[in-house]
Protein backbone atom coordinates (compact mmCIF):
# COMPACT_ATOMS: atom_id res chain seq x y z
CA MET A 1 234.02 177.14 85.85
CA PHE A 2 236.84 174.84 85.15
CA GLU A 3 236.34 171.24 85.08
CA ARG A 4 238.98 168.24 84.29
CA LEU A 5 236.77 165.61 82.39
CA PRO A 6 234.87 166.05 79.58
CA THR A 7 231.36 166.85 81.09
CA PRO A 8 230.60 169.11 84.08
CA TYR A 9 228.14 168.25 86.53
CA GLY A 10 230.29 166.19 89.03
CA LEU A 11 229.38 164.06 92.08
CA VAL A 12 225.86 164.31 90.36
CA ARG A 13 226.80 162.56 87.19
CA TYR A 14 229.56 160.27 88.84
CA GLY A 15 228.40 159.86 92.49
CA LEU A 16 225.09 158.88 92.31
CA ALA A 17 223.68 155.11 91.55
CA PRO A 18 221.94 155.35 88.19
CA ASP A 19 219.04 153.12 89.76
CA HIS A 20 217.75 156.23 91.57
CA PRO A 21 217.09 158.25 88.42
CA GLU A 22 214.83 160.57 90.40
CA THR A 23 218.13 162.06 92.57
CA GLU A 24 219.27 163.83 89.41
CA ALA A 25 216.98 166.00 89.12
CA ILE A 26 219.07 168.48 90.20
CA LEU A 27 220.57 168.10 86.57
CA HIS A 28 217.99 170.10 85.37
CA SER A 29 218.62 173.25 87.55
CA LEU A 30 222.41 173.08 87.25
CA HIS A 31 221.78 172.84 83.13
CA ALA A 32 219.79 175.96 83.43
CA MET A 33 222.49 177.48 85.66
CA LEU A 34 224.93 177.07 83.04
CA VAL A 35 222.94 177.90 79.85
CA ALA A 36 221.73 181.32 81.51
CA GLY A 37 224.60 183.51 80.11
CA ASN A 38 226.41 184.76 83.20
CA THR A 39 228.68 181.43 83.95
CA ARG A 40 231.52 179.93 81.43
CA LEU A 41 232.31 176.54 81.15
CA PHE A 42 235.41 175.34 80.17
CA CYS A 43 236.14 171.36 80.35
CA ASN A 44 239.43 169.04 79.39
CA VAL A 45 241.10 171.80 81.37
CA GLU A 46 243.31 170.21 84.32
CA ILE A 47 244.62 172.19 86.93
CA ALA A 48 248.81 172.50 86.97
CA THR A 49 248.57 170.82 83.72
CA GLY A 50 246.62 173.26 81.18
CA LEU A 51 245.96 175.60 83.69
CA SER A 52 248.20 176.90 87.55
CA VAL A 53 246.13 178.41 90.33
CA ASP A 54 248.41 181.31 90.01
CA ASP A 55 247.09 181.75 86.78
CA GLN A 56 243.60 181.93 87.84
CA ARG A 57 244.58 184.36 91.04
CA SER A 58 246.04 186.56 89.07
CA SER A 59 242.69 186.57 86.80
CA TYR A 60 240.18 186.76 89.89
CA ALA A 61 238.90 188.09 92.75
CA ALA A 62 238.54 185.40 94.13
CA VAL A 63 239.14 181.32 93.11
CA ILE A 64 236.81 178.29 94.65
CA ILE A 65 238.47 175.38 94.85
CA ALA A 66 235.74 172.81 94.42
CA THR A 67 237.88 169.50 92.91
CA GLY A 68 235.80 167.23 95.68
CA ALA A 69 237.26 163.93 97.19
CA LEU A 70 238.43 161.14 94.71
CA ARG A 71 240.29 159.21 97.21
CA ASP A 72 239.06 156.08 99.17
CA ALA A 73 239.73 156.99 102.94
CA PRO A 74 242.50 154.66 104.32
CA LEU A 75 241.41 151.74 106.72
CA ASP A 76 244.26 150.79 108.47
CA ILE A 77 243.72 146.83 109.37
CA PRO A 78 246.32 144.27 108.40
CA GLY A 79 245.26 142.76 104.94
CA VAL A 80 243.80 145.79 103.30
CA ASP A 81 246.13 145.05 100.20
CA LEU A 82 245.49 141.76 98.89
CA SER A 83 244.24 141.27 95.96
CA GLY A 84 240.12 141.45 96.14
CA SER A 85 240.08 144.76 98.83
CA LEU A 86 238.50 147.05 96.70
CA GLY A 87 237.62 150.64 97.57
CA ALA A 88 234.12 152.45 96.98
CA ALA A 89 235.75 155.16 94.75
CA ASP A 90 236.42 152.82 91.75
CA SER A 91 233.31 150.59 92.77
CA VAL A 92 231.20 153.92 92.25
CA GLY A 93 233.07 155.08 89.36
CA TRP A 94 232.45 151.48 87.80
CA TYR A 95 228.98 151.52 87.71
CA ASP A 96 228.98 155.43 86.55
CA ASP A 97 231.12 155.20 84.21
CA HIS A 98 233.71 157.69 85.39
CA PRO A 99 236.15 157.96 82.49
CA ASP A 100 239.26 157.20 85.47
CA ALA A 101 237.44 154.03 86.72
CA PRO A 102 237.97 150.54 85.64
CA GLN A 103 236.04 149.31 82.84
CA HIS A 104 234.88 146.00 84.44
CA TRP A 105 234.13 145.09 88.13
CA LEU A 106 234.68 142.00 90.73
CA LEU A 107 231.53 139.95 90.27
CA HIS A 108 232.57 136.62 90.17
CA THR A 109 232.70 136.15 93.76
CA GLU A 110 229.72 134.88 95.45
CA SER A 111 230.24 135.97 98.40
CA VAL A 112 231.21 139.86 99.60
CA ALA A 113 231.97 141.80 102.50
CA VAL A 114 230.71 145.32 103.02
CA ILE A 115 232.43 147.89 105.28
CA GLY A 116 230.65 151.18 105.83
CA GLY A 117 227.37 152.72 107.56
CA GLY A 118 226.07 155.03 104.85
CA ASN A 119 223.99 155.10 101.75
CA VAL A 120 226.98 154.81 99.16
CA ALA A 121 227.29 151.48 101.26
CA LEU A 122 223.82 150.25 100.34
CA ASP A 123 224.52 151.42 96.56
CA VAL A 124 227.81 149.38 96.21
CA THR A 125 225.65 146.14 97.90
CA ARG A 126 222.16 146.94 95.68
CA MET A 127 224.13 147.39 92.18
CA PRO A 128 225.88 143.94 91.89
CA LEU A 129 222.43 142.51 93.16
CA SER A 130 220.23 144.35 90.64
CA GLU A 131 218.24 142.56 88.03
CA ALA A 132 219.51 143.73 84.58
CA GLN A 133 216.05 144.45 83.10
CA SER A 134 215.50 146.55 86.24
CA LEU A 135 218.70 148.99 85.06
CA GLN A 136 217.08 149.80 81.35
CA ALA A 137 214.84 152.40 82.33
CA THR A 138 218.34 154.09 83.62
CA ASP A 139 221.06 155.43 82.17
CA VAL A 140 223.58 153.20 83.09
CA SER A 141 225.89 151.85 80.21
CA ASP A 142 225.19 148.75 78.31
CA GLU A 143 229.26 147.27 79.73
CA VAL A 144 227.65 147.54 83.29
CA GLN A 145 224.35 146.14 82.06
CA ALA A 146 226.50 143.35 80.94
CA GLY A 147 228.29 143.24 83.76
CA ILE A 148 225.93 142.61 86.11
CA VAL A 149 224.01 140.24 83.92
CA VAL A 150 226.88 137.29 84.63
CA SER A 151 226.93 138.96 88.76
CA LEU A 152 227.56 135.92 90.40
CA VAL A 153 227.61 137.44 93.50
CA ARG A 154 224.46 135.70 96.05
CA GLU A 155 225.72 136.95 99.71
CA VAL A 156 226.34 140.18 100.39
CA HIS A 157 227.55 140.90 104.57
CA ILE A 158 227.14 144.60 105.05
CA PHE A 159 228.94 145.30 108.76
CA VAL A 160 228.34 148.82 110.13
CA ARG A 161 230.47 150.20 113.40
CA ARG A 162 227.75 151.41 115.12
CA GLY A 163 223.89 150.98 116.22
CA PRO A 164 220.85 151.70 114.57
CA ALA A 165 220.55 155.11 115.56
CA ASP A 166 223.60 156.10 114.47
CA ALA A 167 223.99 154.41 110.60
CA ARG A 168 223.88 157.09 107.97
CA PHE A 169 221.15 155.15 106.28
CA SER A 170 218.64 157.22 104.53
CA PRO A 171 214.97 155.45 105.69
CA LYS A 172 214.50 155.47 101.35
CA GLU A 173 217.62 153.43 100.76
CA LEU A 174 216.74 150.93 103.21
CA ARG A 175 213.63 150.37 101.94
CA ALA A 176 214.84 150.12 98.37
CA LEU A 177 217.11 147.67 99.39
CA GLY A 178 214.24 145.73 100.77
CA GLU A 179 212.59 146.06 97.78
CA LEU A 180 215.28 144.59 95.15
CA PRO A 181 213.15 141.41 93.62
CA GLY A 182 214.66 138.23 94.34
CA VAL A 183 216.64 139.16 97.40
CA ASP A 184 216.19 138.90 101.59
CA VAL A 185 217.39 141.22 103.37
CA VAL A 186 218.37 140.12 107.25
CA VAL A 187 219.01 142.03 110.63
CA ASP A 188 219.65 140.35 114.08
CA ALA A 189 216.91 141.10 115.69
CA ALA A 190 219.63 141.84 118.92
CA ASP A 191 221.31 144.39 116.82
CA VAL A 192 218.57 146.44 116.99
CA ALA A 193 217.05 145.79 120.35
CA PRO A 194 215.68 149.09 122.60
CA ASP A 195 217.61 150.35 124.57
CA ARG A 196 217.71 154.60 125.92
CA HIS A 197 220.10 155.70 123.29
CA ILE A 198 217.78 154.72 120.19
CA ALA A 199 214.97 155.59 122.40
CA ARG A 200 216.26 159.04 122.97
CA MET A 201 217.41 159.73 118.90
CA THR A 202 214.09 158.12 117.61
CA LYS A 203 212.37 160.43 119.80
CA GLN A 204 214.47 163.35 118.19
CA LEU A 205 214.62 162.76 114.61
CA VAL A 206 212.23 161.72 112.54
CA HIS A 207 214.81 160.18 109.97
CA THR A 208 216.29 157.99 112.42
CA GLN A 209 212.78 156.56 113.52
CA LEU A 210 212.04 155.84 110.28
CA ALA A 211 215.60 154.17 109.51
CA VAL A 212 215.17 152.08 112.83
CA GLU A 213 211.60 150.79 111.91
CA THR A 214 212.80 149.78 108.48
CA LEU A 215 215.73 147.87 110.21
CA ARG A 216 213.13 146.40 112.67
CA THR A 217 210.91 145.16 109.95
CA PHE A 218 214.01 143.19 108.38
CA ALA A 219 214.58 141.68 111.82
CA ASP A 220 211.15 140.55 112.04
CA ALA A 221 210.95 138.94 108.84
CA ILE A 222 210.28 135.05 109.33
CA SER A 223 212.87 133.11 108.55
CA ALA A 224 210.40 130.73 106.36
CA GLU A 225 209.28 133.89 104.55
CA ARG A 226 213.24 133.98 103.43
CA THR A 227 213.21 132.03 100.26
CA ALA A 228 215.34 134.06 98.22
CA GLN A 229 218.62 132.63 96.17
CA ARG A 230 220.34 135.70 96.98
CA ARG A 231 220.80 137.83 100.90
CA VAL A 232 222.11 140.56 102.50
CA TYR A 233 223.06 140.45 105.95
CA LEU A 234 223.55 143.80 107.65
CA HIS A 235 225.52 143.52 110.60
CA LEU A 236 225.31 146.48 113.36
CA CYS A 237 227.84 146.97 115.87
CA ARG A 238 230.69 145.27 114.20
CA GLN A 239 233.76 146.82 112.88
CA PRO A 240 236.70 145.23 110.62
CA ALA A 241 239.56 144.01 112.23
CA GLU A 242 241.72 142.14 109.82
CA ILE A 243 241.30 140.80 106.51
CA LEU A 244 242.00 137.21 106.12
CA GLY A 245 244.19 135.32 103.00
CA ASP A 246 246.66 134.05 101.36
CA GLY A 247 247.37 136.32 98.20
CA LYS A 248 243.87 137.19 98.15
CA VAL A 249 240.89 137.93 100.11
CA GLU A 250 239.35 134.74 101.81
CA ALA A 251 237.86 136.15 105.01
CA LEU A 252 237.34 139.26 107.21
CA ARG A 253 237.59 139.25 111.35
CA VAL A 254 234.88 141.67 112.66
CA ASP A 255 234.84 142.94 116.26
CA ARG A 256 232.04 143.70 118.11
CA THR A 257 231.46 146.87 119.46
CA ASP A 258 229.58 147.57 122.50
CA PRO A 259 227.40 150.45 122.93
CA ASP A 260 226.91 152.11 126.09
CA GLY A 261 223.74 153.71 125.90
CA TYR A 262 224.87 156.66 124.92
CA GLY A 263 225.64 156.71 121.48
CA HIS A 264 229.32 155.72 121.98
CA LEU A 265 231.33 152.52 120.97
CA THR A 266 234.03 149.90 122.56
CA ALA A 267 235.62 147.13 120.81
CA SER A 268 234.84 144.09 122.86
CA GLY A 269 237.16 141.56 121.31
CA VAL A 270 234.86 139.08 120.35
CA CYS A 271 235.75 138.56 116.97
CA THR A 272 233.88 136.40 114.27
CA ASP A 273 235.39 135.53 110.97
CA TYR A 274 233.26 135.56 107.82
CA THR A 275 234.29 133.79 104.41
CA VAL A 276 234.10 136.21 101.47
CA GLN A 277 236.19 136.07 98.43
CA ALA A 278 236.00 140.20 98.43
CA VAL A 279 236.12 143.18 100.38
CA TYR A 280 234.21 146.63 99.31
CA ARG A 281 235.87 149.75 101.52
CA VAL A 282 233.04 152.31 102.11
CA ILE A 283 234.24 154.17 104.74
CA GLY A 284 234.63 158.11 103.04
CA TYR A 285 236.71 159.58 100.64
CA VAL A 286 239.69 162.10 101.00
CA CYS A 287 240.78 164.56 98.84
CA THR A 288 243.76 164.47 96.22
CA PRO A 289 246.41 167.44 96.49
CA LEU A 290 246.37 169.85 93.74
CA ALA A 291 249.69 171.77 92.68
CA GLY A 292 250.12 174.97 93.63
CA LEU A 293 247.87 174.53 96.65
CA PRO A 294 248.98 173.44 100.27
CA PHE A 295 247.93 170.20 101.54
CA ASP A 296 247.49 168.90 104.63
CA HIS A 297 248.28 165.02 104.81
CA GLY A 298 246.80 164.41 107.87
CA ARG A 299 243.71 165.25 106.93
CA GLY A 300 243.47 165.03 103.36
CA THR A 301 242.18 168.80 102.92
CA VAL A 302 243.37 171.85 101.60
CA PRO A 303 244.41 173.91 104.97
CA HIS A 304 241.57 176.80 105.33
CA ARG A 305 240.75 179.47 108.12
CA SER A 306 237.67 180.81 107.92
CA ALA A 307 237.01 179.27 104.10
CA ALA A 308 240.12 180.96 102.89
CA VAL A 309 242.99 178.62 101.96
CA VAL A 310 246.29 178.82 104.00
CA GLU A 311 249.72 178.11 103.98
CA ARG A 312 250.30 175.75 106.55
CA GLU A 313 253.58 173.36 107.63
CA ARG A 314 253.33 169.97 108.50
CA SER A 315 256.74 168.47 110.12
CA THR A 316 255.70 164.98 109.74
CA ASP A 317 252.61 163.42 108.19
CA ARG A 318 251.65 161.92 111.56
CA GLY A 319 252.57 165.30 113.78
CA PRO A 320 251.68 168.42 114.57
CA VAL A 321 250.35 171.04 111.99
CA ARG A 322 252.03 174.91 112.94
CA ASP A 323 250.64 177.76 110.98
CA ARG A 324 252.91 179.31 109.52
CA MET A 325 251.25 182.74 110.58
CA ASP A 326 254.29 184.96 109.57
CA GLU A 327 254.17 183.48 105.83
CA GLU A 328 250.52 182.97 105.77
CA ARG A 329 249.38 182.53 102.19
CA ARG A 330 245.83 183.55 101.48
CA LEU A 331 243.39 183.44 98.38
CA PRO A 332 241.33 186.68 98.12
CA GLN A 333 238.41 186.69 99.39
CA PRO A 334 235.14 187.97 97.99
CA GLY A 335 235.08 191.36 98.00
CA SER A 336 238.70 192.39 98.16
CA ASP A 337 240.42 194.56 95.61
CA GLN A 338 243.05 191.99 95.37
CA ARG A 339 243.28 190.30 91.63
């Protein structure tokens, strides 16, 4: 194993929220594998700088490219480049102490928008709202704790394009959001109203049923019981249309999406502006090109067929991809006699 960073374990070490230490139990299994004697680990080795892909191909029967996705997926809306529009890659890297991440995070804003419908969106929401003392039993760094202590974030709006049956939140992560001390979670009852698609999906999938039930619990909370000074507003069936501001983020315009009862959505054109001072984009990641390998810039991946890397030619970044069948280059597959 060749690792660019000084420490192993990749996503487990640098991609999980530190306030969920039980999810890092897999580290024990990974450690057991590394010390078993049949695996060699080389850290601080950057491919194409200290070692090339061709060097590896000439030395091994198979080379597996497992570099992960390090960059934020692009969000193609006006205003996305304004100061205060931030990607999840840097946010997660900050609270996980990734060596390439910024040492400080934007926590001096009172109102924040989070765009995304998965567990990472909940992590990015939860961390700046956490109480510093609740993180003392975790492996979060002193610097991150110090940043959270002075956090001014009081209001977070999460915008999810899909409805409750199709959002990617796990029931466990939703419950963890609702258990934050001093934080109320607000969901509009209309966003979780029954329809045939929700009924169908909750019958088929237990985790969807539990997630929808948790969302409805938030929606059913009596307004008079919401007395916390900090709040999370979870908006379903909303998609970002534009980030507004003069040089910096001042508001987010979102478009309501209309579900058709079959899991499909269309933009309604009915937009609402929310006053926020920061926007966290949590819509997924794309891979980074690796020297010595072809790269599909349109999909953000290494081109492959049946798991084997192939050479592909792209006429433009947005145009069609053409396989160069006569010049196809494959990495040797397991079991081949090529070295």
